[in-house]
């Protein structure tokens, strides 16, 4: 089984990641959430609702936004870590992270 994740920054600006079940088996959802917690803090992301709890979906979207498109365009380790941890945190086979629309679809 394979997980497919797309991070979109607009038309013709999409970055695709495909991960096997075997590669995802090396991690878990708790580790993924901790990675997003660290990145959220390191990138100084601002929560959309400062009065409420910040959900994992909000963290994923903010980390993509604050991390910036260039990190995905460069195809470096950070983008791979983002994709792997998003897949682990959300546990879905197909994930689309729409950064400008600030939505995640399955």
PDB file of N, CA and C in Angstrom:
ATOM      1  N   UNK A   1       0.836  -1.172   0.000  1.00  0.00           N
ATOM      2  CA  UNK A   1       0.000   0.000   0.000  1.00  0.00           C
ATOM      3  C   UNK A   1       0.884   1.240   0.000  1.00  0.00           C
ATOM      4  N   UNK A   2       0.378   2.282  -0.615  1.00  0.00           N
ATOM      5  CA  UNK A   2       1.162   3.492  -0.752  1.00  0.00           C
ATOM      6  C   UNK A   2       0.344   4.698  -0.294  1.00  0.00           C
ATOM      7  N   UNK A   3       1.024   5.671   0.310  1.00  0.00           N
ATOM      8  CA  UNK A   3       0.384   6.929   0.684  1.00  0.00           C
ATOM      9  C   UNK A   3       0.856   7.995  -0.289  1.00  0.00           C
ATOM     10  N   UNK A   4      -0.081   8.789  -0.766  1.00  0.00           N
ATOM     11  CA  UNK A   4       0.205   9.838  -1.736  1.00  0.00           C
ATOM     12  C   UNK A   4      -0.182  11.170  -1.099  1.00  0.00           C
ATOM     13  N   UNK A   5       0.769  12.094  -1.011  1.00  0.00           N
ATOM     14  CA  UNK A   5       0.525  13.400  -0.423  1.00  0.00           C
ATOM     15  C   UNK A   5       0.893  14.475  -1.434  1.00  0.00           C
ATOM     16  N   UNK A   6       0.011  15.440  -1.588  1.00  0.00           N
ATOM     17  CA  UNK A   6       0.257  16.579  -2.478  1.00  0.00           C
ATOM     18  C   UNK A   6       0.201  17.846  -1.637  1.00  0.00           C
ATOM     19  N   UNK A   7       1.217  18.687  -1.789  1.00  0.00           N
ATOM     20  CA  UNK A   7       1.215  20.008  -1.165  1.00  0.00           C
ATOM     21  C   UNK A   7       1.080  21.006  -2.302  1.00  0.00           C
ATOM     22  N   UNK A   8       0.006  21.785  -2.265  1.00  0.00           N
ATOM     23  CA  UNK A   8      -0.281  22.727  -3.339  1.00  0.00           C
ATOM     24  C   UNK A   8      -0.128  24.167  -2.860  1.00  0.00           C
ATOM     25  N   UNK A   9       0.609  24.937  -3.648  1.00  0.00           N
ATOM     26  CA  UNK A   9       0.747  26.370  -3.400  1.00  0.00           C
ATOM     27  C   UNK A   9       0.047  27.158  -4.507  1.00  0.00           C
ATOM     28  N   UNK A  10      -0.743  26.487  -5.326  1.00  0.00           N
ATOM     29  CA  UNK A  10      -1.477  27.118  -6.420  1.00  0.00           C
ATOM     30  C   UNK A  10      -1.363  26.271  -7.671  1.00  0.00           C
ATOM     31  N   UNK A  11      -2.024  26.746  -8.732  1.00  0.00           N
ATOM     32  CA  UNK A  11      -2.015  26.021  -9.997  1.00  0.00           C
ATOM     33  C   UNK A  11      -0.584  25.872 -10.514  1.00  0.00           C
ATOM     34  N   UNK A  12      -0.240  24.679 -10.942  1.00  0.00           N
ATOM     35  CA  UNK A  12       1.092  24.350 -11.465  1.00  0.00           C
ATOM     36  C   UNK A  12       2.200  24.540 -10.434  1.00  0.00           C
ATOM     37  N   UNK A  13       1.829  24.549  -9.171  1.00  0.00           N
ATOM     38  CA  UNK A  13       2.811  24.668  -8.082  1.00  0.00           C
ATOM     39  C   UNK A  13       2.479  23.629  -7.010  1.00  0.00           C
ATOM     40  N   UNK A  14       2.499  22.366  -7.457  1.00  0.00           N
ATOM     41  CA  UNK A  14       2.176  21.256  -6.571  1.00  0.00           C
ATOM     42  C   UNK A  14       3.382  20.343  -6.416  1.00  0.00           C
ATOM     43  N   UNK A  15       3.527  19.832  -5.222  1.00  0.00           N
ATOM     44  CA  UNK A  15       4.652  18.962  -4.898  1.00  0.00           C
ATOM     45  C   UNK A  15       4.088  17.645  -4.384  1.00  0.00           C
ATOM     46  N   UNK A  16       4.477  16.558  -5.046  1.00  0.00           N
ATOM     47  CA  UNK A  16       3.922  15.244  -4.744  1.00  0.00           C
ATOM     48  C   UNK A  16       4.942  14.363  -4.034  1.00  0.00           C
ATOM     49  N   UNK A  17       4.433  13.588  -3.107  1.00  0.00           N
ATOM     50  CA  UNK A  17       5.251  12.654  -2.341  1.00  0.00           C
ATOM     51  C   UNK A  17       4.515  11.326  -2.285  1.00  0.00           C
ATOM     52  N   UNK A  18       5.224  10.258  -2.569  1.00  0.00           N
ATOM     53  CA  UNK A  18       4.655   8.915  -2.478  1.00  0.00           C
ATOM     54  C   UNK A  18       5.505   8.121  -1.501  1.00  0.00           C
ATOM     55  N   UNK A  19       4.826   7.515  -0.534  1.00  0.00           N
ATOM     56  CA  UNK A  19       5.519   6.779   0.516  1.00  0.00           C
ATOM     57  C   UNK A  19       4.918   5.394   0.668  1.00  0.00           C
ATOM     58  N   UNK A  20       5.773   4.410   0.790  1.00  0.00           N
ATOM     59  CA  UNK A  20       5.301   3.037   0.976  1.00  0.00           C
ATOM     60  C   UNK A  20       4.932   2.808   2.440  1.00  0.00           C
ATOM     61  N   UNK A  21       4.141   1.781   2.660  1.00  0.00           N
ATOM     62  CA  UNK A  21       3.781   1.401   4.029  1.00  0.00           C
ATOM     63  C   UNK A  21       5.023   1.053   4.832  1.00  0.00           C
ATOM     64  N   UNK A  22       5.992   0.428   4.174  1.00  0.00           N
ATOM     65  CA  UNK A  22       7.229   0.045   4.862  1.00  0.00           C
ATOM     66  C   UNK A  22       7.996   1.270   5.358  1.00  0.00           C
ATOM     67  N   UNK A  23       8.047   2.324   4.537  1.00  0.00           N
ATOM     68  CA  UNK A  23       8.776   3.523   4.964  1.00  0.00           C
ATOM     69  C   UNK A  23       8.036   4.248   6.087  1.00  0.00           C
ATOM     70  N   UNK A  24       6.715   4.174   6.089  1.00  0.00           N
ATOM     71  CA  UNK A  24       5.946   4.812   7.151  1.00  0.00           C
ATOM     72  C   UNK A  24       5.953   3.995   8.440  1.00  0.00           C
ATOM     73  N   UNK A  25       6.217   2.704   8.338  1.00  0.00           N
ATOM     74  CA  UNK A  25       6.217   1.834   9.511  1.00  0.00           C
ATOM     75  C   UNK A  25       7.340   2.180  10.489  1.00  0.00           C
ATOM     76  N   UNK A  26       8.307   2.953  10.036  1.00  0.00           N
ATOM     77  CA  UNK A  26       9.436   3.344  10.898  1.00  0.00           C
ATOM     78  C   UNK A  26       9.069   4.470  11.863  1.00  0.00           C
ATOM     79  N   UNK A  27       7.871   5.008  11.750  1.00  0.00           N
ATOM     80  CA  UNK A  27       7.442   6.092  12.623  1.00  0.00           C
ATOM     81  C   UNK A  27       6.033   5.845  13.126  1.00  0.00           C
ATOM     82  N   UNK A  28       5.519   6.809  13.894  1.00  0.00           N
ATOM     83  CA  UNK A  28       4.149   6.691  14.378  1.00  0.00           C
ATOM     84  C   UNK A  28       3.523   8.079  14.509  1.00  0.00           C
ATOM     85  N   UNK A  29       2.233   8.099  14.765  1.00  0.00           N
ATOM     86  CA  UNK A  29       1.478   9.353  14.807  1.00  0.00           C
ATOM     87  C   UNK A  29       1.952  10.268  15.925  1.00  0.00           C
ATOM     88  N   UNK A  30       2.334   9.710  17.076  1.00  0.00           N
ATOM     89  CA  UNK A  30       2.803  10.551  18.187  1.00  0.00           C
ATOM     90  C   UNK A  30       4.101  11.268  17.836  1.00  0.00           C
ATOM     91  N   UNK A  31       5.030  10.559  17.210  1.00  0.00           N
ATOM     92  CA  UNK A  31       6.287  11.183  16.778  1.00  0.00           C
ATOM     93  C   UNK A  31       6.004  12.275  15.744  1.00  0.00           C
ATOM     94  N   UNK A  32       5.071  11.998  14.849  1.00  0.00           N
ATOM     95  CA  UNK A  32       4.711  12.968  13.817  1.00  0.00           C
ATOM     96  C   UNK A  32       4.131  14.229  14.440  1.00  0.00           C
ATOM     97  N   UNK A  33       3.269  14.070  15.408  1.00  0.00           N
ATOM     98  CA  UNK A  33       2.685  15.237  16.084  1.00  0.00           C
ATOM     99  C   UNK A  33       3.754  16.051  16.799  1.00  0.00           C
ATOM    100  N   UNK A  34       4.719  15.375  17.409  1.00  0.00           N
ATOM    101  CA  UNK A  34       5.818  16.092  18.074  1.00  0.00           C
ATOM    102  C   UNK A  34       6.665  16.857  17.060  1.00  0.00           C
ATOM    103  N   UNK A  35       6.883  16.263  15.870  1.00  0.00           N
ATOM    104  CA  UNK A  35       7.641  16.956  14.824  1.00  0.00           C
ATOM    105  C   UNK A  35       6.906  18.236  14.433  1.00  0.00           C
ATOM    106  N   UNK A  36       5.589  18.150  14.225  1.00  0.00           N
ATOM    107  CA  UNK A  36       4.814  19.342  13.872  1.00  0.00           C
ATOM    108  C   UNK A  36       4.787  20.348  15.021  1.00  0.00           C
ATOM    109  N   UNK A  37       4.748  19.886  16.259  1.00  0.00           N
ATOM    110  CA  UNK A  37       4.819  20.806  17.407  1.00  0.00           C
ATOM    111  C   UNK A  37       6.121  21.610  17.368  1.00  0.00           C
ATOM    112  N   UNK A  38       7.238  20.913  17.127  1.00  0.00           N
ATOM    113  CA  UNK A  38       8.553  21.585  17.081  1.00  0.00           C
ATOM    114  C   UNK A  38       8.633  22.568  15.915  1.00  0.00           C
ATOM    115  N   UNK A  39       8.207  22.118  14.738  1.00  0.00           N
ATOM    116  CA  UNK A  39       8.268  22.991  13.560  1.00  0.00           C
ATOM    117  C   UNK A  39       7.347  24.202  13.728  1.00  0.00           C
ATOM    118  N   UNK A  40       6.176  23.997  14.283  1.00  0.00           N
ATOM    119  CA  UNK A  40       5.227  25.079  14.528  1.00  0.00           C
ATOM    120  C   UNK A  40       5.872  26.151  15.406  1.00  0.00           C
ATOM    121  N   UNK A  41       6.569  25.704  16.450  1.00  0.00           N
ATOM    122  CA  UNK A  41       7.250  26.644  17.350  1.00  0.00           C
ATOM    123  C   UNK A  41       8.475  27.268  16.683  1.00  0.00           C
ATOM    124  N   UNK A  42       9.307  26.452  16.023  1.00  0.00           N
ATOM    125  CA  UNK A  42      10.535  26.952  15.389  1.00  0.00           C
ATOM    126  C   UNK A  42      10.239  27.968  14.284  1.00  0.00           C
ATOM    127  N   UNK A  43       9.170  27.756  13.536  1.00  0.00           N
ATOM    128  CA  UNK A  43       8.804  28.667  12.441  1.00  0.00           C
ATOM    129  C   UNK A  43       7.989  29.869  12.940  1.00  0.00           C
ATOM    130  N   UNK A  44       7.717  29.883  14.246  1.00  0.00           N
ATOM    131  CA  UNK A  44       6.949  30.960  14.873  1.00  0.00           C
ATOM    132  C   UNK A  44       5.594  31.154  14.195  1.00  0.00           C
ATOM    133  N   UNK A  45       4.921  30.025  13.981  1.00  0.00           N
ATOM    134  CA  UNK A  45       3.593  30.056  13.366  1.00  0.00           C
ATOM    135  C   UNK A  45       2.599  30.706  14.324  1.00  0.00           C
ATOM    136  N   UNK A  46       1.647  31.389  13.759  1.00  0.00           N
ATOM    137  CA  UNK A  46       0.592  32.022  14.545  1.00  0.00           C
ATOM    138  C   UNK A  46      -0.681  31.202  14.392  1.00  0.00           C
ATOM    139  N   UNK A  47      -1.262  30.765  15.493  1.00  0.00           N
ATOM    140  CA  UNK A  47      -2.505  29.988  15.385  1.00  0.00           C
ATOM    141  C   UNK A  47      -3.633  30.834  14.824  1.00  0.00           C
ATOM    142  N   UNK A  48      -4.496  30.194  14.034  1.00  0.00           N
ATOM    143  CA  UNK A  48      -5.634  30.890  13.451  1.00  0.00           C
ATOM    144  C   UNK A  48      -6.618  31.364  14.505  1.00  0.00           C
ATOM    145  N   UNK A  49      -6.754  30.586  15.567  1.00  0.00           N
ATOM    146  CA  UNK A  49      -7.660  30.941  16.650  1.00  0.00           C
ATOM    147  C   UNK A  49      -6.859  30.960  17.946  1.00  0.00           C
ATOM    148  N   UNK A  50      -6.367  32.114  18.376  1.00  0.00           N
ATOM    149  CA  UNK A  50      -5.525  32.172  19.571  1.00  0.00           C
ATOM    150  C   UNK A  50      -6.251  31.810  20.863  1.00  0.00           C
ATOM    151  N   UNK A  51      -7.577  31.730  20.815  1.00  0.00           N
ATOM    152  CA  UNK A  51      -8.346  31.403  22.016  1.00  0.00           C
ATOM    153  C   UNK A  51      -8.533  29.897  22.211  1.00  0.00           C
ATOM    154  N   UNK A  52      -8.353  29.147  21.145  1.00  0.00           N
ATOM    155  CA  UNK A  52      -8.672  27.726  21.229  1.00  0.00           C
ATOM    156  C   UNK A  52      -7.474  26.829  21.037  1.00  0.00           C
ATOM    157  N   UNK A  53      -7.760  25.557  21.067  1.00  0.00           N
ATOM    158  CA  UNK A  53      -6.762  24.522  20.872  1.00  0.00           C
ATOM    159  C   UNK A  53      -6.313  24.503  19.410  1.00  0.00           C
ATOM    160  N   UNK A  54      -5.027  24.294  19.183  1.00  0.00           N
ATOM    161  CA  UNK A  54      -4.499  24.211  17.826  1.00  0.00           C
ATOM    162  C   UNK A  54      -4.511  22.743  17.416  1.00  0.00           C
ATOM    163  N   UNK A  55      -5.323  22.415  16.420  1.00  0.00           N
ATOM    164  CA  UNK A  55      -5.460  21.047  15.951  1.00  0.00           C
ATOM    165  C   UNK A  55      -4.285  20.659  15.053  1.00  0.00           C
ATOM    166  N   UNK A  56      -4.066  19.369  14.888  1.00  0.00           N
ATOM    167  CA  UNK A  56      -2.967  18.889  14.045  1.00  0.00           C
ATOM    168  C   UNK A  56      -3.134  19.392  12.612  1.00  0.00           C
ATOM    169  N   UNK A  57      -4.352  19.480  12.130  1.00  0.00           N
ATOM    170  CA  UNK A  57      -4.584  19.988  10.770  1.00  0.00           C
ATOM    171  C   UNK A  57      -4.100  21.434  10.659  1.00  0.00           C
ATOM    172  N   UNK A  58      -4.393  22.235  11.675  1.00  0.00           N
ATOM    173  CA  UNK A  58      -3.925  23.626  11.684  1.00  0.00           C
ATOM    174  C   UNK A  58      -2.403  23.697  11.710  1.00  0.00           C
ATOM    175  N   UNK A  59      -1.790  22.813  12.468  1.00  0.00           N
ATOM    176  CA  UNK A  59      -0.323  22.798  12.538  1.00  0.00           C
ATOM    177  C   UNK A  59       0.279  22.417  11.194  1.00  0.00           C
ATOM    178  N   UNK A  60      -0.280  21.406  10.548  1.00  0.00           N
ATOM    179  CA  UNK A  60       0.226  20.977   9.241  1.00  0.00           C
ATOM    180  C   UNK A  60       0.116  22.124   8.237  1.00  0.00           C
ATOM    181  N   UNK A  61      -1.042  22.773   8.190  1.00  0.00           N
ATOM    182  CA  UNK A  61      -1.247  23.875   7.247  1.00  0.00           C
ATOM    183  C   UNK A  61      -0.327  25.057   7.548  1.00  0.00           C
ATOM    184  N   UNK A  62      -0.186  25.403   8.808  1.00  0.00           N
ATOM    185  CA  UNK A  62       0.682  26.523   9.172  1.00  0.00           C
ATOM    186  C   UNK A  62       2.152  26.222   8.930  1.00  0.00           C
ATOM    187  N   UNK A  63       2.580  25.021   9.216  1.00  0.00           N
ATOM    188  CA  UNK A  63       3.976  24.653   8.975  1.00  0.00           C
ATOM    189  C   UNK A  63       4.268  24.709   7.475  1.00  0.00           C
ATOM    190  N   UNK A  64       3.341  24.253   6.651  1.00  0.00           N
ATOM    191  CA  UNK A  64       3.533  24.358   5.193  1.00  0.00           C
ATOM    192  C   UNK A  64       3.608  25.823   4.778  1.00  0.00           C
ATOM    193  N   UNK A  65       2.703  26.635   5.296  1.00  0.00           N
ATOM    194  CA  UNK A  65       2.657  28.058   4.932  1.00  0.00           C
ATOM    195  C   UNK A  65       3.911  28.797   5.404  1.00  0.00           C
ATOM    196  N   UNK A  66       4.239  28.662   6.673  1.00  0.00           N
ATOM    197  CA  UNK A  66       5.382  29.382   7.225  1.00  0.00           C
ATOM    198  C   UNK A  66       6.715  28.794   6.753  1.00  0.00           C
ATOM    199  N   UNK A  67       6.723  27.497   6.489  1.00  0.00           N
ATOM    200  CA  UNK A  67       7.936  26.870   5.950  1.00  0.00           C
ATOM    201  C   UNK A  67       8.232  27.381   4.549  1.00  0.00           C
ATOM    202  N   UNK A  68       7.184  27.640   3.800  1.00  0.00           N
ATOM    203  CA  UNK A  68       7.304  28.249   2.482  1.00  0.00           C
ATOM    204  C   UNK A  68       7.474  27.263   1.346  1.00  0.00           C
ATOM    205  N   UNK A  69       7.040  27.714   0.193  1.00  0.00           N
ATOM    206  CA  UNK A  69       7.087  26.878  -1.000  1.00  0.00           C
ATOM    207  C   UNK A  69       8.510  26.477  -1.380  1.00  0.00           C
ATOM    208  N   UNK A  70       9.468  27.337  -1.147  1.00  0.00           N
ATOM    209  CA  UNK A  70      10.845  27.050  -1.568  1.00  0.00           C
ATOM    210  C   UNK A  70      11.375  25.760  -0.956  1.00  0.00           C
ATOM    211  N   UNK A  71      10.999  25.465   0.254  1.00  0.00           N
ATOM    212  CA  UNK A  71      11.454  24.220   0.900  1.00  0.00           C
ATOM    213  C   UNK A  71      10.942  22.995   0.146  1.00  0.00           C
ATOM    214  N   UNK A  72       9.755  23.100  -0.425  1.00  0.00           N
ATOM    215  CA  UNK A  72       9.200  21.999  -1.209  1.00  0.00           C
ATOM    216  C   UNK A  72       9.816  21.973  -2.603  1.00  0.00           C
ATOM    217  N   UNK A  73      10.023  23.140  -3.178  1.00  0.00           N
ATOM    218  CA  UNK A  73      10.602  23.231  -4.523  1.00  0.00           C
ATOM    219  C   UNK A  73      12.029  22.695  -4.541  1.00  0.00           C
ATOM    220  N   UNK A  74      12.762  22.928  -3.466  1.00  0.00           N
ATOM    221  CA  UNK A  74      14.144  22.462  -3.376  1.00  0.00           C
ATOM    222  C   UNK A  74      14.243  20.947  -3.260  1.00  0.00           C
ATOM    223  N   UNK A  75      13.148  20.321  -2.803  1.00  0.00           N
ATOM    224  CA  UNK A  75      13.126  18.869  -2.688  1.00  0.00           C
ATOM    225  C   UNK A  75      14.104  18.323  -1.657  1.00  0.00           C
ATOM    226  N   UNK A  76      14.352  19.099  -0.647  1.00  0.00           N
ATOM    227  CA  UNK A  76      15.306  18.703   0.383  1.00  0.00           C
ATOM    228  C   UNK A  76      14.659  17.797   1.435  1.00  0.00           C
ATOM    229  N   UNK A  77      15.473  17.407   2.410  1.00  0.00           N
ATOM    230  CA  UNK A  77      15.023  16.513   3.478  1.00  0.00           C
ATOM    231  C   UNK A  77      13.823  17.060   4.240  1.00  0.00           C
ATOM    232  N   UNK A  78      13.769  18.378   4.434  1.00  0.00           N
ATOM    233  CA  UNK A  78      12.682  18.974   5.203  1.00  0.00           C
ATOM    234  C   UNK A  78      11.330  18.640   4.567  1.00  0.00           C
ATOM    235  N   UNK A  79      11.235  18.776   3.259  1.00  0.00           N
ATOM    236  CA  UNK A  79       9.977  18.491   2.558  1.00  0.00           C
ATOM    237  C   UNK A  79       9.593  17.018   2.711  1.00  0.00           C
ATOM    238  N   UNK A  80      10.573  16.138   2.628  1.00  0.00           N
ATOM    239  CA  UNK A  80      10.305  14.708   2.819  1.00  0.00           C
ATOM    240  C   UNK A  80       9.827  14.434   4.246  1.00  0.00           C
ATOM    241  N   UNK A  81      10.449  15.088   5.224  1.00  0.00           N
ATOM    242  CA  UNK A  81      10.023  14.932   6.626  1.00  0.00           C
ATOM    243  C   UNK A  81       8.604  15.444   6.816  1.00  0.00           C
ATOM    244  N   UNK A  82       8.317  16.585   6.202  1.00  0.00           N
ATOM    245  CA  UNK A  82       6.971  17.145   6.283  1.00  0.00           C
ATOM    246  C   UNK A  82       5.960  16.127   5.754  1.00  0.00           C
ATOM    247  N   UNK A  83       6.192  15.614   4.561  1.00  0.00           N
ATOM    248  CA  UNK A  83       5.262  14.682   3.927  1.00  0.00           C
ATOM    249  C   UNK A  83       5.092  13.415   4.763  1.00  0.00           C
ATOM    250  N   UNK A  84       6.191  12.863   5.210  1.00  0.00           N
ATOM    251  CA  UNK A  84       6.148  11.628   5.996  1.00  0.00           C
ATOM    252  C   UNK A  84       5.367  11.837   7.293  1.00  0.00           C
ATOM    253  N   UNK A  85       5.650  12.944   7.984  1.00  0.00           N
ATOM    254  CA  UNK A  85       4.984  13.210   9.255  1.00  0.00           C
ATOM    255  C   UNK A  85       3.517  13.573   9.071  1.00  0.00           C
ATOM    256  N   UNK A  86       3.184  14.261   7.995  1.00  0.00           N
ATOM    257  CA  UNK A  86       1.773  14.552   7.715  1.00  0.00           C
ATOM    258  C   UNK A  86       1.019  13.253   7.457  1.00  0.00           C
ATOM    259  N   UNK A  87       1.625  12.360   6.693  1.00  0.00           N
ATOM    260  CA  UNK A  87       0.995  11.064   6.408  1.00  0.00           C
ATOM    261  C   UNK A  87       0.791  10.263   7.687  1.00  0.00           C
ATOM    262  N   UNK A  88       1.794  10.254   8.556  1.00  0.00           N
ATOM    263  CA  UNK A  88       1.681   9.517   9.817  1.00  0.00           C
ATOM    264  C   UNK A  88       0.644  10.142  10.745  1.00  0.00           C
ATOM    265  N   UNK A  89       0.636  11.461  10.822  1.00  0.00           N
ATOM    266  CA  UNK A  89      -0.287  12.146  11.727  1.00  0.00           C
ATOM    267  C   UNK A  89      -1.734  11.980  11.289  1.00  0.00           C
ATOM    268  N   UNK A  90      -1.972  11.996   9.981  1.00  0.00           N
ATOM    269  CA  UNK A  90      -3.346  11.945   9.479  1.00  0.00           C
ATOM    270  C   UNK A  90      -3.830  10.532   9.172  1.00  0.00           C
ATOM    271  N   UNK A  91      -2.905   9.616   8.889  1.00  0.00           N
ATOM    272  CA  UNK A  91      -3.269   8.221   8.681  1.00  0.00           C
ATOM    273  C   UNK A  91      -4.198   7.966   7.506  1.00  0.00           C
ATOM    274  N   UNK A  92      -4.012   8.691   6.423  1.00  0.00           N
ATOM    275  CA  UNK A  92      -4.837   8.518   5.225  1.00  0.00           C
ATOM    276  C   UNK A  92      -3.974   8.095   4.043  1.00  0.00           C
ATOM    277  N   UNK A  93      -4.593   7.459   3.052  1.00  0.00           N
ATOM    278  CA  UNK A  93      -3.860   7.012   1.863  1.00  0.00           C
ATOM    279  C   UNK A  93      -3.605   8.143   0.883  1.00  0.00           C
ATOM    280  N   UNK A  94      -4.532   9.089   0.810  1.00  0.00           N
ATOM    281  CA  UNK A  94      -4.430  10.206  -0.127  1.00  0.00           C
ATOM    282  C   UNK A  94      -4.691  11.498   0.648  1.00  0.00           C
ATOM    283  N   UNK A  95      -3.731  12.415   0.601  1.00  0.00           N
ATOM    284  CA  UNK A  95      -3.850  13.671   1.338  1.00  0.00           C
ATOM    285  C   UNK A  95      -3.472  14.817   0.401  1.00  0.00           C
ATOM    286  N   UNK A  96      -4.286  15.860   0.427  1.00  0.00           N
ATOM    287  CA  UNK A  96      -3.981  17.063  -0.352  1.00  0.00           C
ATOM    288  C   UNK A  96      -3.953  18.248   0.606  1.00  0.00           C
ATOM    289  N   UNK A  97      -2.794  18.891   0.701  1.00  0.00           N
ATOM    290  CA  UNK A  97      -2.616  20.064   1.549  1.00  0.00           C
ATOM    291  C   UNK A  97      -2.673  21.286   0.629  1.00  0.00           C
ATOM    292  N   UNK A  98      -3.755  22.028   0.722  1.00  0.00           N
ATOM    293  CA  UNK A  98      -3.961  23.228  -0.100  1.00  0.00           C
ATOM    294  C   UNK A  98      -3.584  24.435   0.755  1.00  0.00           C
ATOM    295  N   UNK A  99      -2.365  24.931   0.559  1.00  0.00           N
ATOM    296  CA  UNK A  99      -1.846  25.995   1.406  1.00  0.00           C
ATOM    297  C   UNK A  99      -2.612  27.302   1.205  1.00  0.00           C
ATOM    298  N   UNK A 100      -2.825  27.798  -0.024  1.00  0.00           N
ATOM    299  CA  UNK A 100      -3.559  29.057  -0.169  1.00  0.00           C
ATOM    300  C   UNK A 100      -5.009  28.968   0.316  1.00  0.00           C
ATOM    301  N   UNK A 101      -5.642  27.821   0.097  1.00  0.00           N
ATOM    302  CA  UNK A 101      -7.020  27.610   0.537  1.00  0.00           C
ATOM    303  C   UNK A 101      -7.127  27.255   2.014  1.00  0.00           C
ATOM    304  N   UNK A 102      -5.988  26.960   2.630  1.00  0.00           N
ATOM    305  CA  UNK A 102      -5.884  26.572   4.041  1.00  0.00           C
ATOM    306  C   UNK A 102      -6.843  25.420   4.356  1.00  0.00           C
ATOM    307  N   UNK A 103      -6.754  24.371   3.502  1.00  0.00           N
ATOM    308  CA  UNK A 103      -7.584  23.184   3.703  1.00  0.00           C
ATOM    309  C   UNK A 103      -6.766  21.921   3.467  1.00  0.00           C
ATOM    310  N   UNK A 104      -7.235  20.851   4.050  1.00  0.00           N
ATOM    311  CA  UNK A 104      -6.672  19.535   3.816  1.00  0.00           C
ATOM    312  C   UNK A 104      -7.807  18.643   3.343  1.00  0.00           C
ATOM    313  N   UNK A 105      -7.575  17.969   2.221  1.00  0.00           N
ATOM    314  CA  UNK A 105      -8.573  17.055   1.680  1.00  0.00           C
ATOM    315  C   UNK A 105      -8.032  15.645   1.650  1.00  0.00           C
ATOM    316  N   UNK A 106      -8.952  14.692   1.648  1.00  0.00           N
ATOM    317  CA  UNK A 106      -8.577  13.271   1.649  1.00  0.00           C
ATOM    318  C   UNK A 106      -9.102  12.579   0.423  1.00  0.00           C
TER     319      UNK A 106
END
